[in-house]
C-alpha atoms as a PDB file:
ATOM      1  CA  MET A   1     -90.980  45.833 -15.066  1.00  0.00           C
ATOM      2  CA  LEU A   2     -91.564  44.105 -18.706  1.00  0.00           C
ATOM      3  CA  HIS A   3     -95.254  42.084 -18.895  1.00  0.00           C
ATOM      4  CA  SER A   4     -95.274  39.331 -21.323  1.00  0.00           C
ATOM      5  CA  VAL A   5     -98.202  39.939 -23.594  1.00  0.00           C
ATOM      6  CA  ASN A   6     -98.829  36.731 -26.489  1.00  0.00           C
ATOM      7  CA  LEU A   7    -101.174  38.458 -28.855  1.00  0.00           C
ATOM      8  CA  ILE A   8    -100.666  35.548 -31.119  1.00  0.00           C
ATOM      9  CA  PRO A   9    -103.730  33.500 -29.984  1.00  0.00           C
ATOM     10  CA  TRP A  10    -105.555  36.127 -30.362  1.00  0.00           C
ATOM     11  CA  ARG A  11    -104.163  36.904 -34.168  1.00  0.00           C
ATOM     12  CA  ASP A  12    -105.825  33.318 -34.915  1.00  0.00           C
ATOM     13  CA  GLN A  13    -108.523  33.482 -33.887  1.00  0.00           C
ATOM     14  CA  LEU A  14    -109.466  36.591 -36.267  1.00  0.00           C
ATOM     15  CA  ARG A  15    -107.814  34.769 -39.080  1.00  0.00           C
ATOM     16  CA  ASP A  16    -110.008  31.623 -38.445  1.00  0.00           C
ATOM     17  CA  ARG A  17    -112.751  34.215 -38.092  1.00  0.00           C
ATOM     18  CA  HIS A  18    -112.323  36.173 -41.863  1.00  0.00           C
ATOM     19  CA  LYS A  19    -111.758  32.694 -42.834  1.00  0.00           C
ATOM     20  CA  HIS A  20    -114.868  30.775 -41.671  1.00  0.00           C
ATOM     21  CA  ARG A  21    -116.530  34.211 -42.930  1.00  0.00           C
ATOM     22  CA  PHE A  22    -114.574  33.947 -46.081  1.00  0.00           C
ATOM     23  CA  VAL A  23    -115.827  30.087 -47.058  1.00  0.00           C
ATOM     24  CA  GLY A  24    -119.283  31.868 -45.554  1.00  0.00           C
ATOM     25  CA  LEU A  25    -119.699  33.975 -48.270  1.00  0.00           C
ATOM     26  CA  LEU A  26    -118.141  32.008 -51.096  1.00  0.00           C
ATOM     27  CA  LEU A  27    -120.287  29.132 -50.323  1.00  0.00           C
ATOM     28  CA  ILE A  28    -123.281  31.749 -50.339  1.00  0.00           C
ATOM     29  CA  GLY A  29    -121.609  33.299 -53.495  1.00  0.00           C
ATOM     30  CA  VAL A  30    -121.686  30.064 -55.207  1.00  0.00           C
ATOM     31  CA  LEU A  31    -125.174  29.464 -54.019  1.00  0.00           C
ATOM     32  CA  VAL A  32    -126.077  31.957 -55.465  1.00  0.00           C
ATOM     33  CA  ALA A  33    -124.862  31.919 -58.670  1.00  0.00           C
ATOM     34  CA  VAL A  34    -126.158  27.882 -58.977  1.00  0.00           C
ATOM     35  CA  ALA A  35    -129.374  29.618 -58.779  1.00  0.00           C
ATOM     36  CA  ALA A  36    -129.124  32.272 -60.789  1.00  0.00           C
ATOM     37  CA  GLN A  37    -127.864  30.177 -63.290  1.00  0.00           C
ATOM     38  CA  TRP A  38    -130.490  27.538 -62.731  1.00  0.00           C
ATOM     39  CA  GLY A  39    -132.577  30.422 -63.560  1.00  0.00           C
ATOM     40  CA  ALA A  40    -131.692  31.545 -66.372  1.00  0.00           C
ATOM     41  CA  ALA A  41    -131.685  28.165 -67.976  1.00  0.00           C
ATOM     42  CA  SER A  42    -135.046  27.135 -66.360  1.00  0.00           C
ATOM     43  CA  TYR A  43    -136.732  31.004 -68.477  1.00  0.00           C
ATOM     44  CA  LEU A  44    -134.684  30.228 -71.617  1.00  0.00           C
ATOM     45  CA  GLN A  45    -136.173  27.111 -71.605  1.00  0.00           C
ATOM     46  CA  ARG A  46    -139.516  28.271 -71.601  1.00  0.00           C
ATOM     47  CA  GLN A  47    -138.346  30.770 -73.926  1.00  0.00           C
ATOM     48  CA  THR A  48    -137.821  28.001 -76.319  1.00  0.00           C
ATOM     49  CA  GLN A  49    -140.152  26.114 -75.935  1.00  0.00           C
ATOM     50  CA  ALA A  50    -143.098  29.226 -76.249  1.00  0.00           C
ATOM     51  CA  GLN A  51    -141.217  30.654 -79.225  1.00  0.00           C
ATOM     52  CA  GLN A  52    -141.048  27.007 -80.394  1.00  0.00           C
ATOM     53  CA  SER A  53    -145.007  26.350 -80.293  1.00  0.00           C
ATOM     54  CA  ARG A  54    -145.241  29.594 -82.004  1.00  0.00           C
ATOM     55  CA  LEU A  55    -142.977  27.779 -85.274  1.00  0.00           C
ATOM     56  CA  ASN A  56    -145.525  24.781 -84.668  1.00  0.00           C
ATOM     57  CA  TYR A  57    -148.733  27.202 -84.884  1.00  0.00           C
ATOM     58  CA  LEU A  58    -146.835  29.578 -86.802  1.00  0.00           C
ATOM     59  CA  ASN A  59    -145.793  26.025 -89.547  1.00  0.00           C
ATOM     60  CA  ALA A  60    -149.590  24.515 -88.893  1.00  0.00           C
ATOM     61  CA  TYR A  61    -151.082  27.530 -90.074  1.00  0.00           C
ATOM     62  CA  ILE A  62    -148.821  27.625 -93.380  1.00  0.00           C
ATOM     63  CA  SER A  63    -150.247  24.047 -93.821  1.00  0.00           C
ATOM     64  CA  GLN A  64    -153.391  25.079 -93.534  1.00  0.00           C
ATOM     65  CA  LEU A  65    -153.169  28.354 -96.536  1.00  0.00           C
ATOM     66  CA  ASP A  66    -151.380  26.545 -98.683  1.00  0.00           C
ATOM     67  CA  LYS A  67    -153.746  23.854 -98.571  1.00  0.00           C
ATOM     68  CA  GLN A  68    -156.095  26.694 -99.547  1.00  0.00           C
ATOM     69  CA  ILE A  69    -154.217  28.190-101.717  1.00  0.00           C
ATOM     70  CA  ASP A  70    -153.614  24.836-104.151  1.00  0.00           C
ATOM     71  CA  ALA A  71    -157.764  24.259-104.140  1.00  0.00           C
ATOM     72  CA  LEU A  72    -157.589  27.265-105.082  1.00  0.00           C
ATOM     73  CA  LYS A  73    -155.274  26.584-108.039  1.00  0.00           C
ATOM     74  CA  GLU A  74    -156.987  23.473-108.957  1.00  0.00           C
ATOM     75  CA  VAL A  75    -160.345  26.012-108.310  1.00  0.00           C
ATOM     76  CA  GLU A  76    -159.075  28.265-110.692  1.00  0.00           C
ATOM     77  CA  GLN A  77    -157.582  25.956-113.386  1.00  0.00           C
ATOM     78  CA  GLU A  78    -160.901  24.478-113.524  1.00  0.00           C
ATOM     79  CA  HIS A  79    -162.697  27.720-113.774  1.00  0.00           C
ATOM     80  CA  LYS A  80    -160.545  28.317-116.518  1.00  0.00           C
ATOM     81  CA  ALA A  81    -161.510  24.842-118.157  1.00  0.00           C
ATOM     82  CA  LEU A  82    -164.978  25.270-118.210  1.00  0.00           C
ATOM     83  CA  LEU A  83    -164.039  28.849-120.446  1.00  0.00           C
ATOM     84  CA  THR A  84    -162.294  27.311-122.638  1.00  0.00           C
ATOM     85  CA  ARG A  85    -165.307  25.347-123.502  1.00  0.00           C
ATOM     86  CA  LEU A  86    -167.848  27.551-122.966  1.00  0.00           C
ATOM     87  CA  ALA A  87    -165.777  30.015-125.232  1.00  0.00           C
ATOM     88  CA  VAL A  88    -166.233  26.641-127.370  1.00  0.00           C
ATOM     89  CA  VAL A  89    -170.450  26.284-127.299  1.00  0.00           C
ATOM     90  CA  GLU A  90    -170.340  30.012-127.664  1.00  0.00           C
ATOM     91  CA  LYS A  91    -168.574  29.710-131.261  1.00  0.00           C
ATOM     92  CA  LEU A  92    -169.922  27.043-132.495  1.00  0.00           C
ATOM     93  CA  GLN A  93    -173.217  27.974-131.283  1.00  0.00           C
ATOM     94  CA  ASN A  94    -172.804  30.944-133.905  1.00  0.00           C
ATOM     95  CA  GLN A  95    -171.919  29.066-136.280  1.00  0.00           C
ATOM     96  CA  ARG A  96    -175.041  27.103-135.301  1.00  0.00           C
ATOM     97  CA  ASN A  97    -177.002  30.241-136.451  1.00  0.00           C
ATOM     98  CA  LYS A  98    -174.721  31.838-139.055  1.00  0.00           C
ATOM     99  CA  THR A  99    -176.952  29.598-141.512  1.00  0.00           C
ATOM    100  CA  THR A 100    -180.041  30.850-140.091  1.00  0.00           C
ATOM    101  CA  ASP A 101    -179.531  34.050-140.216  1.00  0.00           C
ATOM    102  CA  PHE A 102    -178.329  33.775-143.799  1.00  0.00           C
ATOM    103  CA  MET A 103    -181.592  32.112-144.217  1.00  0.00           C
ATOM    104  CA  ASN A 104    -183.492  35.496-142.548  1.00  0.00           C
ATOM    105  CA  THR A 105    -181.501  37.962-144.058  1.00  0.00           C
ATOM    106  CA  LEU A 106    -181.596  36.873-147.863  1.00  0.00           C
ATOM    107  CA  PRO A 107    -184.862  37.347-147.667  1.00  0.00           C
ATOM    108  CA  GLN A 108    -185.524  40.557-146.886  1.00  0.00           C
ATOM    109  CA  LEU A 109    -182.537  41.259-149.210  1.00  0.00           C
ATOM    110  CA  ILE A 110    -183.849  39.725-153.131  1.00  0.00           C
ATOM    111  CA  PRO A 111    -186.573  41.564-154.559  1.00  0.00           C
ATOM    112  CA  GLU A 112    -190.079  41.118-156.387  1.00  0.00           C
ATOM    113  CA  GLY A 113    -189.001  39.444-159.518  1.00  0.00           C
ATOM    114  CA  VAL A 114    -185.100  37.900-159.032  1.00  0.00           C
ATOM    115  CA  TYR A 115    -185.156  33.825-157.904  1.00  0.00           C
ATOM    116  CA  VAL A 116    -182.792  32.467-156.603  1.00  0.00           C
ATOM    117  CA  ASP A 117    -181.231  29.451-157.824  1.00  0.00           C
ATOM    118  CA  LYS A 118    -178.493  27.720-155.807  1.00  0.00           C
ATOM    119  CA  VAL A 119    -176.773  29.398-153.031  1.00  0.00           C
ATOM    120  CA  LYS A 120    -174.125  27.681-152.148  1.00  0.00           C
ATOM    121  CA  MET A 121    -171.866  28.651-148.365  1.00  0.00           C
ATOM    122  CA  ASN A 122    -168.156  28.795-147.715  1.00  0.00           C
ATOM    123  CA  GLY A 123    -167.810  29.867-143.443  1.00  0.00           C
ATOM    124  CA  LEU A 124    -168.603  33.195-144.238  1.00  0.00           C
ATOM    125  CA  GLN A 125    -168.371  33.359-147.652  1.00  0.00           C
ATOM    126  CA  VAL A 126    -171.479  33.047-150.441  1.00  0.00           C
ATOM    127  CA  ARG A 127    -172.076  32.834-153.910  1.00  0.00           C
ATOM    128  CA  VAL A 128    -175.943  32.804-154.667  1.00  0.00           C
ATOM    129  CA  SER A 129    -177.128  32.139-158.828  1.00  0.00           C
ATOM    130  CA  GLY A 130    -181.310  32.873-159.974  1.00  0.00           C
ATOM    131  CA  ILE A 131    -182.661  34.836-162.584  1.00  0.00           C
ATOM    132  CA  SER A 132    -184.353  37.964-162.528  1.00  0.00           C
ATOM    133  CA  ASP A 133    -187.583  39.434-164.828  1.00  0.00           C
ATOM    134  CA  THR A 134    -184.704  43.135-165.954  1.00  0.00           C
ATOM    135  CA  THR A 135    -181.941  44.088-164.734  1.00  0.00           C
ATOM    136  CA  SER A 136    -183.677  46.625-162.720  1.00  0.00           C
ATOM    137  CA  ARG A 137    -184.777  44.357-160.489  1.00  0.00           C
ATOM    138  CA  LEU A 138    -180.859  43.069-160.132  1.00  0.00           C
ATOM    139  CA  ALA A 139    -179.310  46.297-159.515  1.00  0.00           C
ATOM    140  CA  THR A 140    -181.655  47.287-156.418  1.00  0.00           C
ATOM    141  CA  MET A 141    -181.602  43.557-155.508  1.00  0.00           C
ATOM    142  CA  LEU A 142    -177.587  44.746-155.787  1.00  0.00           C
ATOM    143  CA  ASP A 143    -177.841  48.100-153.566  1.00  0.00           C
ATOM    144  CA  ASN A 144    -179.986  45.784-150.895  1.00  0.00           C
ATOM    145  CA  LEU A 145    -177.299  43.507-150.692  1.00  0.00           C
ATOM    146  CA  GLU A 146    -174.365  46.379-150.879  1.00  0.00           C
ATOM    147  CA  SER A 147    -176.338  48.946-147.844  1.00  0.00           C
ATOM    148  CA  SER A 148    -177.101  45.623-145.462  1.00  0.00           C
ATOM    149  CA  THR A 149    -174.973  46.085-142.518  1.00  0.00           C
ATOM    150  CA  HIS A 150    -174.817  41.708-143.269  1.00  0.00           C
ATOM    151  CA  ILE A 151    -173.278  41.323-145.745  1.00  0.00           C
ATOM    152  CA  ARG A 152    -169.815  42.674-147.214  1.00  0.00           C
ATOM    153  CA  ASN A 153    -167.720  42.458-150.243  1.00  0.00           C
ATOM    154  CA  VAL A 154    -169.928  42.210-152.811  1.00  0.00           C
ATOM    155  CA  GLU A 155    -168.446  41.197-156.398  1.00  0.00           C
ATOM    156  CA  MET A 156    -170.704  40.674-159.173  1.00  0.00           C
ATOM    157  CA  HIS A 157    -169.586  37.891-161.390  1.00  0.00           C
ATOM    158  CA  SER A 158    -171.966  37.939-164.224  1.00  0.00           C
ATOM    159  CA  ILE A 159    -175.187  38.679-165.901  1.00  0.00           C
ATOM    160  CA  VAL A 160    -176.305  36.695-168.688  1.00  0.00           C
ATOM    161  CA  HIS A 161    -179.240  38.611-170.940  1.00  0.00           C
ATOM    162  CA  ASP A 162    -182.045  36.641-172.910  1.00  0.00           C
ATOM    163  CA  THR A 163    -181.381  33.272-170.253  1.00  0.00           C
ATOM    164  CA  PRO A 164    -184.302  30.593-171.574  1.00  0.00           C
ATOM    165  CA  ARG A 165    -186.383  29.242-168.749  1.00  0.00           C
ATOM    166  CA  PHE A 166    -189.728  28.262-168.507  1.00  0.00           C
ATOM    167  CA  ASN A 167    -190.494  29.771-171.724  1.00  0.00           C
ATOM    168  CA  LYS A 168    -189.548  33.001-170.910  1.00  0.00           C
ATOM    169  CA  LYS A 169    -186.860  34.990-170.918  1.00  0.00           C
ATOM    170  CA  PHE A 170    -184.821  35.659-167.749  1.00  0.00           C
ATOM    171  CA  GLN A 171    -181.376  37.801-167.483  1.00  0.00           C
ATOM    172  CA  SER A 172    -179.069  34.747-164.734  1.00  0.00           C
ATOM    173  CA  PHE A 173    -176.812  36.007-162.705  1.00  0.00           C
ATOM    174  CA  ASN A 174    -174.787  34.950-160.400  1.00  0.00           C
ATOM    175  CA  VAL A 175    -173.020  37.167-156.885  1.00  0.00           C
ATOM    176  CA  SER A 176    -170.488  36.358-154.429  1.00  0.00           C
ATOM    177  CA  PHE A 177    -170.210  38.014-151.064  1.00  0.00           C
ATOM    178  CA  SER A 178    -169.329  37.859-147.663  1.00  0.00           C
ATOM    179  CA  PHE A 179    -171.838  37.211-144.752  1.00  0.00           C
ATOM    180  CA  VAL A 180    -171.647  39.064-140.850  1.00  0.00           C
ATOM    181  CA  ALA A 181    -172.869  37.419-138.893  1.00  0.00           C
ATOM    182  CA  SER A 182    -174.787  38.888-135.848  1.00  0.00           C
ATOM    183  CA  ALA A 183    -173.358  39.683-133.073  1.00  0.00           C
ATOM    184  CA  PRO A 184    -173.590  38.424-129.697  1.00  0.00           C
ATOM    185  CA  ASN A 185    -175.438  41.576-127.077  1.00  0.00           C
ATOM    186  CA  LYS A 186    -174.176  42.878-124.665  1.00  0.00           C
ATOM    187  CA  GLN A 187    -175.757  40.408-121.367  1.00  0.00           C
ATOM    188  CA  ASN A 188    -174.274  37.020-122.923  1.00  0.00           C
ATOM    189  CA  VAL A 189    -170.821  38.753-123.488  1.00  0.00           C
ATOM    190  CA  GLU A 190    -171.287  39.860-119.681  1.00  0.00           C
ATOM    191  CA  VAL A 191    -172.246  36.967-118.463  1.00  0.00           C
ATOM    192  CA  SER A 192    -170.018  34.683-119.764  1.00  0.00           C
ATOM    193  CA  SER A 193    -167.171  36.698-118.796  1.00  0.00           C
ATOM    194  CA  ASN A 194    -168.085  36.527-115.488  1.00  0.00           C
ATOM    195  CA  GLY A 195    -168.154  33.451-115.811  1.00  0.00           C
END
């Protein structure tokens, strides 16, 4: 005798369970994917915001440094202008003192018995004319001029004997030379170079 067994409803139930499980797993997978994507997006957004805030900070700092550099450039230009003005003032001061230095130096170089009539200064070039009691005093004056540290390029242009003056006879002379002004102190130079 044959029993009739119907397995189809059992198979249908199993198929339905598999189908429900598959749909459930599919929904869970979709939810996990959406959650992962949302988490990654929010993480990337936070990282982007952090990076943007760092960039903003760096840009603000760079802008601040640029302003400081511009201010330093202005100060440097003002410093250079002051140094230039100081150099011009020192040059003018040295030129102003040149005549005083020369007039202080000249009496030390002219011996007794030599009289200066005329001094002509053109820059550092000096021309002196005058009279002397004797030729030996003129020779002493020439030695003094040539041995002086402030005098260079001494040239005697003329010596005229028996020139009448003051009811006496003198030796008239005409000499030229270059005057070298005294150098400024090293301390002054260091102070002016340091600004």
